Amino acid sequence: MAHPAAETELKDLLFVGFDTETTGLSPLASRLIELSGVKFRSDGSIVSKFSQLIDPESDIPAEATAVHGITPDMVRGQPTYRQVVPEFLSWLADDNIVLTAHNASFDLGFLEVALARLRMPAPTYPVIDTLNLCRRLIPNAPNHQLKTLTQHLGLEAGGFHRALADSYHVKDLFLKMLPLMPECTSWSGLANHCGILEFADLCEQGFSQIDTMPEGFESIKEAISSEIPVQLVYNNGHTSRRKVTPHSVHTWRGHLYLTAFCHDAQSERTFRLDKIVSFRTLSE
């Protein structure tokens, strides 16, 4: 899953336009509810596609449904991110993969948090953000939203704000940009021109930071690896006592978070580590 070799020609690259739909804007407070992608070549030919609704195991706010049209009934009984994200990565696995997304940092954030919760390493695929690319190559567009650009450039119309439809729009938009970069005949040229994003390994960063925390927090690492339940006292505005089975620790915007199965709520929860007042491991 390394980057393509510098001399790899564009025709030998396998591009993936991908998109997510979510219950909200925060990768920590919100959840994935749809994940899709389209594999394509630089000549526009489609290789394969992936699309799956996801049960977020939480409510879908009405304002989110108003954007993408995904209702609680549509995701009820669908697989959770624990199944879908690994399936998506398995579908991605191929030589010379380059991911493309519009406002890619948003989609990467949700995938990075999901991977951290799953304790899976972040993939090393390079990612091109078509939003940044279009801001440079089409500065006079009315705005740089995906729908506006699609209409402005006369690309194929269709639905918007569903993950598979937007994945196709990303594909069309990226292919429209290629002729505007005639000097980009190989991967090195494309990478230098576009600027490349990378997946952040939030889980690895989080575990590295735990080693520098006050004495005692290393027992959380042990509880995770041994799947030992923990009794913690948590103060997030009010103090509560929780019994949880820790799954992972990850970092987000300067803070460390513990993802765990909460036995009181009977569902997965996320806790900020600096708001954990005390904790102790429990015997089974």
C-alpha atoms as a PDB file:
ATOM      1  CA  MET A   1       0.000   0.000   0.000  1.00  0.00           C
ATOM      2  CA  ALA A   2       2.955   2.345  -0.573  1.00  0.00           C
ATOM      3  CA  HIS A   3       2.815   5.366  -2.858  1.00  0.00           C
ATOM      4  CA  PRO A   4       3.203   4.631  -6.562  1.00  0.00           C
ATOM      5  CA  ALA A   5       6.743   4.804  -7.913  1.00  0.00           C
ATOM      6  CA  ALA A   6       7.651   8.332  -9.028  1.00  0.00           C
ATOM      7  CA  GLU A   7       7.921   7.348 -12.693  1.00  0.00           C
ATOM      8  CA  THR A   8       4.534   5.561 -12.828  1.00  0.00           C
ATOM      9  CA  GLU A   9       2.567   6.951 -15.769  1.00  0.00           C
ATOM     10  CA  LEU A  10      -0.947   8.299 -15.196  1.00  0.00           C
ATOM     11  CA  LYS A  11      -2.449   5.530 -17.327  1.00  0.00           C
ATOM     12  CA  ASP A  12      -1.025   2.973 -14.898  1.00  0.00           C
ATOM     13  CA  LEU A  13      -2.501   4.612 -11.790  1.00  0.00           C
ATOM     14  CA  LEU A  14      -5.780   3.419 -10.308  1.00  0.00           C
ATOM     15  CA  PHE A  15      -7.763   6.345  -8.940  1.00  0.00           C
ATOM     16  CA  VAL A  16     -10.558   6.120  -6.370  1.00  0.00           C
ATOM     17  CA  GLY A  17     -13.154   8.828  -5.910  1.00  0.00           C
ATOM     18  CA  PHE A  18     -14.691   8.351  -2.458  1.00  0.00           C
ATOM     19  CA  ASP A  19     -17.145  10.038  -0.136  1.00  0.00           C
ATOM     20  CA  THR A  20     -18.841   9.616   3.237  1.00  0.00           C
ATOM     21  CA  GLU A  21     -22.175  10.631   4.708  1.00  0.00           C
ATOM     22  CA  THR A  22     -22.396  11.180   8.450  1.00  0.00           C
ATOM     23  CA  THR A  23     -24.717  12.041  11.320  1.00  0.00           C
ATOM     24  CA  GLY A  24     -22.936  15.367  11.877  1.00  0.00           C
ATOM     25  CA  LEU A  25     -19.735  17.344  11.433  1.00  0.00           C
ATOM     26  CA  SER A  26     -17.507  16.072  14.255  1.00  0.00           C
ATOM     27  CA  PRO A  27     -15.704  12.733  13.700  1.00  0.00           C
ATOM     28  CA  LEU A  28     -15.758  12.180  17.465  1.00  0.00           C
ATOM     29  CA  ALA A  29     -19.346  13.144  18.277  1.00  0.00           C
ATOM     30  CA  SER A  30     -20.869  11.951  14.988  1.00  0.00           C
ATOM     31  CA  ARG A  31     -20.815   8.667  13.075  1.00  0.00           C
ATOM     32  CA  LEU A  32     -20.492   7.333   9.551  1.00  0.00           C
ATOM     33  CA  ILE A  33     -23.780   6.337   7.925  1.00  0.00           C
ATOM     34  CA  GLU A  34     -22.607   5.761   4.344  1.00  0.00           C
ATOM     35  CA  LEU A  35     -19.262   5.014   2.693  1.00  0.00           C
ATOM     36  CA  SER A  36     -18.774   4.729  -1.062  1.00  0.00           C
ATOM     37  CA  GLY A  37     -16.069   4.769  -3.694  1.00  0.00           C
ATOM     38  CA  VAL A  38     -15.489   4.403  -7.437  1.00  0.00           C
ATOM     39  CA  LYS A  39     -12.260   2.980  -8.920  1.00  0.00           C
ATOM     40  CA  PHE A  40     -11.375   4.472 -12.290  1.00  0.00           C
ATOM     41  CA  ARG A  41      -8.553   4.979 -14.775  1.00  0.00           C
ATOM     42  CA  SER A  42      -7.247   8.248 -16.200  1.00  0.00           C
ATOM     43  CA  ASP A  43      -9.122   7.483 -19.436  1.00  0.00           C
ATOM     44  CA  GLY A  44     -12.399   7.546 -17.467  1.00  0.00           C
ATOM     45  CA  SER A  45     -13.045   3.802 -17.505  1.00  0.00           C
ATOM     46  CA  ILE A  46     -14.702   2.393 -14.378  1.00  0.00           C
ATOM     47  CA  VAL A  47     -12.995  -0.571 -12.716  1.00  0.00           C
ATOM     48  CA  SER A  48     -15.359  -1.220  -9.792  1.00  0.00           C
ATOM     49  CA  LYS A  49     -17.464   0.496  -7.148  1.00  0.00           C
ATOM     50  CA  PHE A  50     -18.200   0.157  -3.434  1.00  0.00           C
ATOM     51  CA  SER A  51     -21.219   1.507  -1.576  1.00  0.00           C
ATOM     52  CA  GLN A  52     -22.681   0.641   1.803  1.00  0.00           C
ATOM     53  CA  LEU A  53     -25.106   2.213   4.243  1.00  0.00           C
ATOM     54  CA  ILE A  54     -23.931   1.996   7.873  1.00  0.00           C
ATOM     55  CA  ASP A  55     -25.899   1.645  11.091  1.00  0.00           C
ATOM     56  CA  PRO A  56     -24.461   4.461  13.273  1.00  0.00           C
ATOM     57  CA  GLU A  57     -25.870   2.879  16.458  1.00  0.00           C
ATOM     58  CA  SER A  58     -27.100   6.363  17.330  1.00  0.00           C
ATOM     59  CA  ASP A  59     -29.751   8.859  16.292  1.00  0.00           C
ATOM     60  CA  ILE A  60     -29.578  10.678  12.959  1.00  0.00           C
ATOM     61  CA  PRO A  61     -30.408  14.353  13.585  1.00  0.00           C
ATOM     62  CA  ALA A  62     -33.163  15.775  11.391  1.00  0.00           C
ATOM     63  CA  GLU A  63     -30.786  18.445  10.074  1.00  0.00           C
ATOM     64  CA  ALA A  64     -28.421  15.736   8.824  1.00  0.00           C
ATOM     65  CA  THR A  65     -31.238  13.838   7.105  1.00  0.00           C
ATOM     66  CA  ALA A  66     -32.300  17.122   5.480  1.00  0.00           C
ATOM     67  CA  VAL A  67     -28.878  17.237   3.756  1.00  0.00           C
ATOM     68  CA  HIS A  68     -28.383  13.664   2.579  1.00  0.00           C
ATOM     69  CA  GLY A  69     -31.856  12.150   2.867  1.00  0.00           C
ATOM     70  CA  ILE A  70     -30.713   9.133   4.898  1.00  0.00           C
ATOM     71  CA  THR A  71     -33.291   8.217   7.549  1.00  0.00           C
ATOM     72  CA  PRO A  72     -33.072   5.936  10.597  1.00  0.00           C
ATOM     73  CA  ASP A  73     -35.237   3.361   8.797  1.00  0.00           C
ATOM     74  CA  MET A  74     -32.745   3.207   5.915  1.00  0.00           C
ATOM     75  CA  VAL A  75     -29.796   2.284   8.162  1.00  0.00           C
ATOM     76  CA  ARG A  76     -31.641   0.020  10.592  1.00  0.00           C
ATOM     77  CA  GLY A  77     -30.227  -3.501  10.257  1.00  0.00           C
ATOM     78  CA  GLN A  78     -27.284  -2.363   8.115  1.00  0.00           C
ATOM     79  CA  PRO A  79     -23.742  -3.368   9.171  1.00  0.00           C
ATOM     80  CA  THR A  80     -21.835  -1.056  11.529  1.00  0.00           C
ATOM     81  CA  TYR A  81     -18.566   0.707  10.792  1.00  0.00           C
ATOM     82  CA  ARG A  82     -16.739  -2.213  12.427  1.00  0.00           C
ATOM     83  CA  GLN A  83     -17.602  -4.308   9.374  1.00  0.00           C
ATOM     84  CA  VAL A  84     -17.852  -1.681   6.638  1.00  0.00           C
ATOM     85  CA  VAL A  85     -14.549   0.157   7.124  1.00  0.00           C
ATOM     86  CA  PRO A  86     -12.432  -3.040   6.919  1.00  0.00           C
ATOM     87  CA  GLU A  87     -14.471  -4.118   3.866  1.00  0.00           C
ATOM     88  CA  PHE A  88     -13.793  -0.753   2.235  1.00  0.00           C
ATOM     89  CA  LEU A  89     -10.048  -1.098   2.865  1.00  0.00           C
ATOM     90  CA  SER A  90     -10.116  -4.629   1.470  1.00  0.00           C
ATOM     91  CA  TRP A  91     -11.871  -3.314  -1.640  1.00  0.00           C
ATOM     92  CA  LEU A  92      -9.243  -0.579  -1.988  1.00  0.00           C
ATOM     93  CA  ALA A  93      -6.295  -2.970  -1.872  1.00  0.00           C
ATOM     94  CA  ASP A  94      -4.553  -2.773  -5.225  1.00  0.00           C
ATOM     95  CA  ASP A  95      -1.342  -1.524  -6.817  1.00  0.00           C
ATOM     96  CA  ASN A  96      -0.804   2.165  -7.612  1.00  0.00           C
ATOM     97  CA  ILE A  97      -3.917   3.389  -5.777  1.00  0.00           C
ATOM     98  CA  VAL A  98      -4.504   7.146  -5.489  1.00  0.00           C
ATOM     99  CA  LEU A  99      -7.537   8.361  -3.533  1.00  0.00           C
ATOM    100  CA  THR A 100      -9.470  11.495  -4.470  1.00  0.00           C
ATOM    101  CA  ALA A 101     -12.162  13.297  -2.473  1.00  0.00           C
ATOM    102  CA  HIS A 102     -13.724  16.760  -2.337  1.00  0.00           C
ATOM    103  CA  ASN A 103     -12.877  18.485   0.943  1.00  0.00           C
ATOM    104  CA  ALA A 104     -10.914  15.330   1.683  1.00  0.00           C
ATOM    105  CA  SER A 105      -9.923  16.300   5.227  1.00  0.00           C
ATOM    106  CA  PHE A 106     -13.567  15.886   6.307  1.00  0.00           C
ATOM    107  CA  ASP A 107     -13.851  12.324   4.988  1.00  0.00           C
ATOM    108  CA  LEU A 108     -10.355  11.416   6.187  1.00  0.00           C
ATOM    109  CA  GLY A 109     -11.220  12.587   9.688  1.00  0.00           C
ATOM    110  CA  PHE A 110     -14.171  10.205   9.984  1.00  0.00           C
ATOM    111  CA  LEU A 111     -12.186   7.289   8.540  1.00  0.00           C
ATOM    112  CA  GLU A 112      -9.196   8.021  10.790  1.00  0.00           C
ATOM    113  CA  VAL A 113     -11.340   8.020  13.935  1.00  0.00           C
ATOM    114  CA  ALA A 114     -13.093   4.824  12.821  1.00  0.00           C
ATOM    115  CA  LEU A 115      -9.726   3.138  12.199  1.00  0.00           C
ATOM    116  CA  ALA A 116      -8.455   4.271  15.598  1.00  0.00           C
ATOM    117  CA  ARG A 117     -11.544   2.846  17.302  1.00  0.00           C
ATOM    118  CA  LEU A 118     -10.916  -0.425  15.463  1.00  0.00           C
ATOM    119  CA  ARG A 119      -7.214  -0.329  16.424  1.00  0.00           C
ATOM    120  CA  MET A 120      -6.364  -0.717  12.746  1.00  0.00           C
ATOM    121  CA  PRO A 121      -3.283   0.970  11.261  1.00  0.00           C
ATOM    122  CA  ALA A 122      -3.937   3.868   8.925  1.00  0.00           C
ATOM    123  CA  PRO A 123      -3.440   3.006   5.240  1.00  0.00           C
ATOM    124  CA  THR A 124      -0.627   4.701   3.358  1.00  0.00           C
ATOM    125  CA  TYR A 125      -2.569   5.576   0.208  1.00  0.00           C
ATOM    126  CA  PRO A 126      -1.951   9.126  -1.041  1.00  0.00           C
ATOM    127  CA  VAL A 127      -5.016  11.373  -1.158  1.00  0.00           C
ATOM    128  CA  ILE A 128      -5.707  14.238  -3.567  1.00  0.00           C
ATOM    129  CA  ASP A 129      -8.216  16.883  -2.459  1.00  0.00           C
ATOM    130  CA  THR A 130     -10.188  18.057  -5.500  1.00  0.00           C
ATOM    131  CA  LEU A 131     -11.397  21.073  -3.517  1.00  0.00           C
ATOM    132  CA  ASN A 132      -7.865  22.458  -3.163  1.00  0.00           C
ATOM    133  CA  LEU A 133      -7.102  21.497  -6.756  1.00  0.00           C
ATOM    134  CA  CYS A 134     -10.128  23.339  -8.125  1.00  0.00           C
ATOM    135  CA  ARG A 135      -9.417  26.432  -6.061  1.00  0.00           C
ATOM    136  CA  ARG A 136      -6.097  26.708  -7.882  1.00  0.00           C
ATOM    137  CA  LEU A 137      -7.191  25.644 -11.364  1.00  0.00           C
ATOM    138  CA  ILE A 138     -10.684  27.224 -11.499  1.00  0.00           C
ATOM    139  CA  PRO A 139     -10.335  30.370  -9.367  1.00  0.00           C
ATOM    140  CA  ASN A 140     -13.265  32.124 -11.069  1.00  0.00           C
ATOM    141  CA  ALA A 141     -15.941  29.533 -10.247  1.00  0.00           C
ATOM    142  CA  PRO A 142     -18.961  30.990  -8.351  1.00  0.00           C
ATOM    143  CA  ASN A 143     -17.839  28.868  -5.396  1.00  0.00           C
ATOM    144  CA  HIS A 144     -15.999  25.587  -5.022  1.00  0.00           C
ATOM    145  CA  GLN A 145     -18.714  23.342  -3.662  1.00  0.00           C
ATOM    146  CA  LEU A 146     -18.974  20.021  -5.492  1.00  0.00           C
ATOM    147  CA  LYS A 147     -22.463  20.702  -6.884  1.00  0.00           C
ATOM    148  CA  THR A 148     -21.542  24.192  -8.074  1.00  0.00           C
ATOM    149  CA  LEU A 149     -18.384  22.996  -9.811  1.00  0.00           C
ATOM    150  CA  THR A 150     -20.232  20.117 -11.463  1.00  0.00           C
ATOM    151  CA  GLN A 151     -22.799  22.530 -12.889  1.00  0.00           C
ATOM    152  CA  HIS A 152     -20.234  25.237 -13.723  1.00  0.00           C
ATOM    153  CA  LEU A 153     -18.125  22.806 -15.748  1.00  0.00           C
ATOM    154  CA  GLY A 154     -21.091  21.174 -17.484  1.00  0.00           C
ATOM    155  CA  LEU A 155     -20.367  17.760 -16.023  1.00  0.00           C
ATOM    156  CA  GLU A 156     -22.954  15.004 -15.864  1.00  0.00           C
ATOM    157  CA  ALA A 157     -25.761  15.968 -13.523  1.00  0.00           C
ATOM    158  CA  GLY A 158     -27.254  13.675 -10.923  1.00  0.00           C
ATOM    159  CA  GLY A 159     -27.978  13.406  -7.240  1.00  0.00           C
ATOM    160  CA  PHE A 160     -25.798  15.057  -4.634  1.00  0.00           C
ATOM    161  CA  HIS A 161     -25.079  14.425  -0.958  1.00  0.00           C
ATOM    162  CA  ARG A 162     -25.262  10.648  -1.253  1.00  0.00           C
ATOM    163  CA  ALA A 163     -21.880   8.970  -1.004  1.00  0.00           C
ATOM    164  CA  LEU A 164     -21.923   6.994  -4.259  1.00  0.00           C
ATOM    165  CA  ALA A 165     -23.333   9.855  -6.350  1.00  0.00           C
ATOM    166  CA  ASP A 166     -20.724  12.248  -4.956  1.00  0.00           C
ATOM    167  CA  SER A 167     -17.975   9.672  -5.569  1.00  0.00           C
ATOM    168  CA  TYR A 168     -18.895   9.730  -9.262  1.00  0.00           C
ATOM    169  CA  HIS A 169     -18.936  13.542  -9.229  1.00  0.00           C
ATOM    170  CA  VAL A 170     -15.440  13.546  -7.694  1.00  0.00           C
ATOM    171  CA  LYS A 171     -14.288  11.202 -10.457  1.00  0.00           C
ATOM    172  CA  ASP A 172     -15.734  13.457 -13.179  1.00  0.00           C
ATOM    173  CA  LEU A 173     -14.295  16.575 -11.587  1.00  0.00           C
ATOM    174  CA  PHE A 174     -10.813  15.093 -11.217  1.00  0.00           C
ATOM    175  CA  LEU A 175     -10.789  13.878 -14.816  1.00  0.00           C
ATOM    176  CA  LYS A 176     -11.835  17.374 -15.926  1.00  0.00           C
ATOM    177  CA  MET A 177      -8.801  18.786 -14.093  1.00  0.00           C
ATOM    178  CA  LEU A 178      -6.231  16.465 -15.681  1.00  0.00           C
ATOM    179  CA  PRO A 179      -6.082  18.289 -19.062  1.00  0.00           C
ATOM    180  CA  LEU A 180      -5.438  21.522 -17.131  1.00  0.00           C
ATOM    181  CA  MET A 181      -2.216  19.934 -15.843  1.00  0.00           C
ATOM    182  CA  PRO A 182      -0.519  18.832 -19.098  1.00  0.00           C
ATOM    183  CA  GLU A 183       2.880  18.712 -17.408  1.00  0.00           C
ATOM    184  CA  CYS A 184       1.634  15.945 -15.087  1.00  0.00           C
ATOM    185  CA  THR A 185       2.439  12.807 -17.057  1.00  0.00           C
ATOM    186  CA  SER A 186       3.642  10.686 -14.144  1.00  0.00           C
ATOM    187  CA  TRP A 187       2.876  10.190 -10.478  1.00  0.00           C
ATOM    188  CA  SER A 188       5.731  12.464  -9.359  1.00  0.00           C
ATOM    189  CA  GLY A 189       4.438  15.326 -11.502  1.00  0.00           C
ATOM    190  CA  LEU A 190       0.866  14.875 -10.296  1.00  0.00           C
ATOM    191  CA  ALA A 191       1.923  14.640  -6.646  1.00  0.00           C
ATOM    192  CA  ASN A 192       4.060  17.773  -6.871  1.00  0.00           C
ATOM    193  CA  HIS A 193       1.294  19.728  -8.591  1.00  0.00           C
ATOM    194  CA  CYS A 194      -1.625  18.633  -6.417  1.00  0.00           C
ATOM    195  CA  GLY A 195      -0.158  18.413  -2.953  1.00  0.00           C
ATOM    196  CA  ILE A 196      -0.840  15.117  -1.229  1.00  0.00           C
ATOM    197  CA  LEU A 197      -2.746  14.367   1.966  1.00  0.00           C
ATOM    198  CA  GLU A 198      -2.053  11.323   4.123  1.00  0.00           C
ATOM    199  CA  PHE A 199      -4.092   9.299   6.599  1.00  0.00           C
ATOM    200  CA  ALA A 200      -3.088  10.068  10.181  1.00  0.00           C
ATOM    201  CA  ASP A 201      -2.603   7.054  12.448  1.00  0.00           C
ATOM    202  CA  LEU A 202      -4.589   8.420  15.382  1.00  0.00           C
ATOM    203  CA  CYS A 203      -4.352   5.197  17.366  1.00  0.00           C
ATOM    204  CA  GLU A 204      -0.552   5.053  17.150  1.00  0.00           C
ATOM    205  CA  GLN A 205      -0.310   8.740  18.051  1.00  0.00           C
ATOM    206  CA  GLY A 206      -2.616   8.199  21.018  1.00  0.00           C
ATOM    207  CA  PHE A 207      -0.705   5.261  22.424  1.00  0.00           C
ATOM    208  CA  SER A 208       2.554   7.186  22.017  1.00  0.00           C
ATOM    209  CA  GLN A 209       1.111  10.077  24.018  1.00  0.00           C
ATOM    210  CA  ILE A 210      -0.144   7.786  26.781  1.00  0.00           C
ATOM    211  CA  ASP A 211       3.494   6.940  27.557  1.00  0.00           C
ATOM    212  CA  THR A 212       4.085  10.570  28.568  1.00  0.00           C
ATOM    213  CA  MET A 213       1.003  10.851  30.786  1.00  0.00           C
ATOM    214  CA  PRO A 214       0.965  10.698  34.612  1.00  0.00           C
ATOM    215  CA  GLU A 215       1.716   7.399  36.301  1.00  0.00           C
ATOM    216  CA  GLY A 216      -1.146   4.928  36.168  1.00  0.00           C
ATOM    217  CA  PHE A 217      -2.463   5.547  32.688  1.00  0.00           C
ATOM    218  CA  GLU A 218      -0.342   2.702  31.332  1.00  0.00           C
ATOM    219  CA  SER A 219      -2.898   0.367  32.934  1.00  0.00           C
ATOM    220  CA  ILE A 220      -5.404   1.528  30.294  1.00  0.00           C
ATOM    221  CA  LYS A 221      -3.092   0.107  27.633  1.00  0.00           C
ATOM    222  CA  GLU A 222      -3.020  -3.170  29.557  1.00  0.00           C
ATOM    223  CA  ALA A 223      -6.824  -3.158  29.908  1.00  0.00           C
ATOM    224  CA  ILE A 224      -7.165  -2.658  26.156  1.00  0.00           C
ATOM    225  CA  SER A 225      -4.779  -5.430  25.186  1.00  0.00           C
ATOM    226  CA  SER A 226      -6.277  -7.846  27.735  1.00  0.00           C
ATOM    227  CA  GLU A 227      -9.909  -6.696  27.267  1.00  0.00           C
ATOM    228  CA  ILE A 228     -10.221  -6.124  31.015  1.00  0.00           C
ATOM    229  CA  PRO A 229     -13.183  -4.021  32.216  1.00  0.00           C
ATOM    230  CA  VAL A 230     -12.412  -0.771  34.016  1.00  0.00           C
ATOM    231  CA  GLN A 231     -14.362   1.196  36.608  1.00  0.00           C
ATOM    232  CA  LEU A 232     -13.855   4.901  35.946  1.00  0.00           C
ATOM    233  CA  VAL A 233     -15.073   8.137  37.467  1.00  0.00           C
ATOM    234  CA  TYR A 234     -15.713  10.665  34.704  1.00  0.00           C
ATOM    235  CA  ASN A 235     -16.331  14.395  35.025  1.00  0.00           C
ATOM    236  CA  ASN A 236     -17.696  16.014  31.880  1.00  0.00           C
ATOM    237  CA  GLY A 237     -19.620  18.809  33.559  1.00  0.00           C
ATOM    238  CA  HIS A 238     -21.021  16.379  36.090  1.00  0.00           C
ATOM    239  CA  THR A 239     -19.384  13.398  37.751  1.00  0.00           C
ATOM    240  CA  SER A 240     -20.484   9.863  36.926  1.00  0.00           C
ATOM    241  CA  ARG A 241     -19.191   6.375  37.582  1.00  0.00           C
ATOM    242  CA  ARG A 242     -18.956   4.023  34.581  1.00  0.00           C
ATOM    243  CA  LYS A 243     -18.004   0.425  34.009  1.00  0.00           C
ATOM    244  CA  VAL A 244     -16.384   0.164  30.574  1.00  0.00           C
ATOM    245  CA  THR A 245     -14.309  -2.245  28.518  1.00  0.00           C
ATOM    246  CA  PRO A 246     -11.672  -0.110  26.743  1.00  0.00           C
ATOM    247  CA  HIS A 247     -11.186  -0.615  23.002  1.00  0.00           C
ATOM    248  CA  SER A 248      -8.665   2.026  21.941  1.00  0.00           C
ATOM    249  CA  VAL A 249      -7.035   5.342  22.712  1.00  0.00           C
ATOM    250  CA  HIS A 250      -6.643   7.956  20.019  1.00  0.00           C
ATOM    251  CA  THR A 251      -5.776  11.613  19.693  1.00  0.00           C
ATOM    252  CA  TRP A 252      -7.927  14.322  18.137  1.00  0.00           C
ATOM    253  CA  ARG A 253      -7.211  18.035  17.991  1.00  0.00           C
ATOM    254  CA  GLY A 254      -4.757  17.984  20.855  1.00  0.00           C
ATOM    255  CA  HIS A 255      -6.731  15.754  23.227  1.00  0.00           C
ATOM    256  CA  LEU A 256      -6.593  12.052  24.021  1.00  0.00           C
ATOM    257  CA  TYR A 257      -9.800  10.008  23.919  1.00  0.00           C
ATOM    258  CA  LEU A 258     -10.702   6.563  25.150  1.00  0.00           C
ATOM    259  CA  THR A 259     -13.211   4.586  23.092  1.00  0.00           C
ATOM    260  CA  ALA A 260     -14.854   1.854  25.147  1.00  0.00           C
ATOM    261  CA  PHE A 261     -17.929  -0.307  25.439  1.00  0.00           C
ATOM    262  CA  CYS A 262     -19.971   1.246  28.232  1.00  0.00           C
ATOM    263  CA  HIS A 263     -21.754  -1.496  30.185  1.00  0.00           C
ATOM    264  CA  ASP A 264     -24.193   1.042  31.659  1.00  0.00           C
ATOM    265  CA  ALA A 265     -25.313   2.396  28.275  1.00  0.00           C
ATOM    266  CA  GLN A 266     -24.814  -0.971  26.504  1.00  0.00           C
ATOM    267  CA  SER A 267     -23.130   0.803  23.600  1.00  0.00           C
ATOM    268  CA  GLU A 268     -19.819   2.285  22.512  1.00  0.00           C
ATOM    269  CA  ARG A 269     -18.837   5.611  24.089  1.00  0.00           C
ATOM    270  CA  THR A 270     -15.888   8.008  23.846  1.00  0.00           C
ATOM    271  CA  PHE A 271     -14.294   9.615  26.920  1.00  0.00           C
ATOM    272  CA  ARG A 272     -11.689  12.396  27.058  1.00  0.00           C
ATOM    273  CA  LEU A 273      -8.787  11.113  29.118  1.00  0.00           C
ATOM    274  CA  ASP A 274      -8.155  14.396  30.946  1.00  0.00           C
ATOM    275  CA  LYS A 275     -11.740  14.248  32.249  1.00  0.00           C
ATOM    276  CA  ILE A 276     -11.239  10.811  33.808  1.00  0.00           C
ATOM    277  CA  VAL A 277     -10.909  11.541  37.525  1.00  0.00           C
ATOM    278  CA  SER A 278      -9.886   8.029  38.532  1.00  0.00           C
ATOM    279  CA  PHE A 279     -10.076   4.459  37.309  1.00  0.00           C
ATOM    280  CA  ARG A 280      -9.273   0.939  38.372  1.00  0.00           C
ATOM    281  CA  THR A 281      -9.246  -2.369  36.569  1.00  0.00           C
ATOM    282  CA  LEU A 282     -11.856  -4.963  37.489  1.00  0.00           C
ATOM    283  CA  SER A 283     -11.699  -8.741  37.547  1.00  0.00           C
ATOM    284  CA  GLU A 284     -14.120 -10.549  35.226  1.00  0.00           C
END
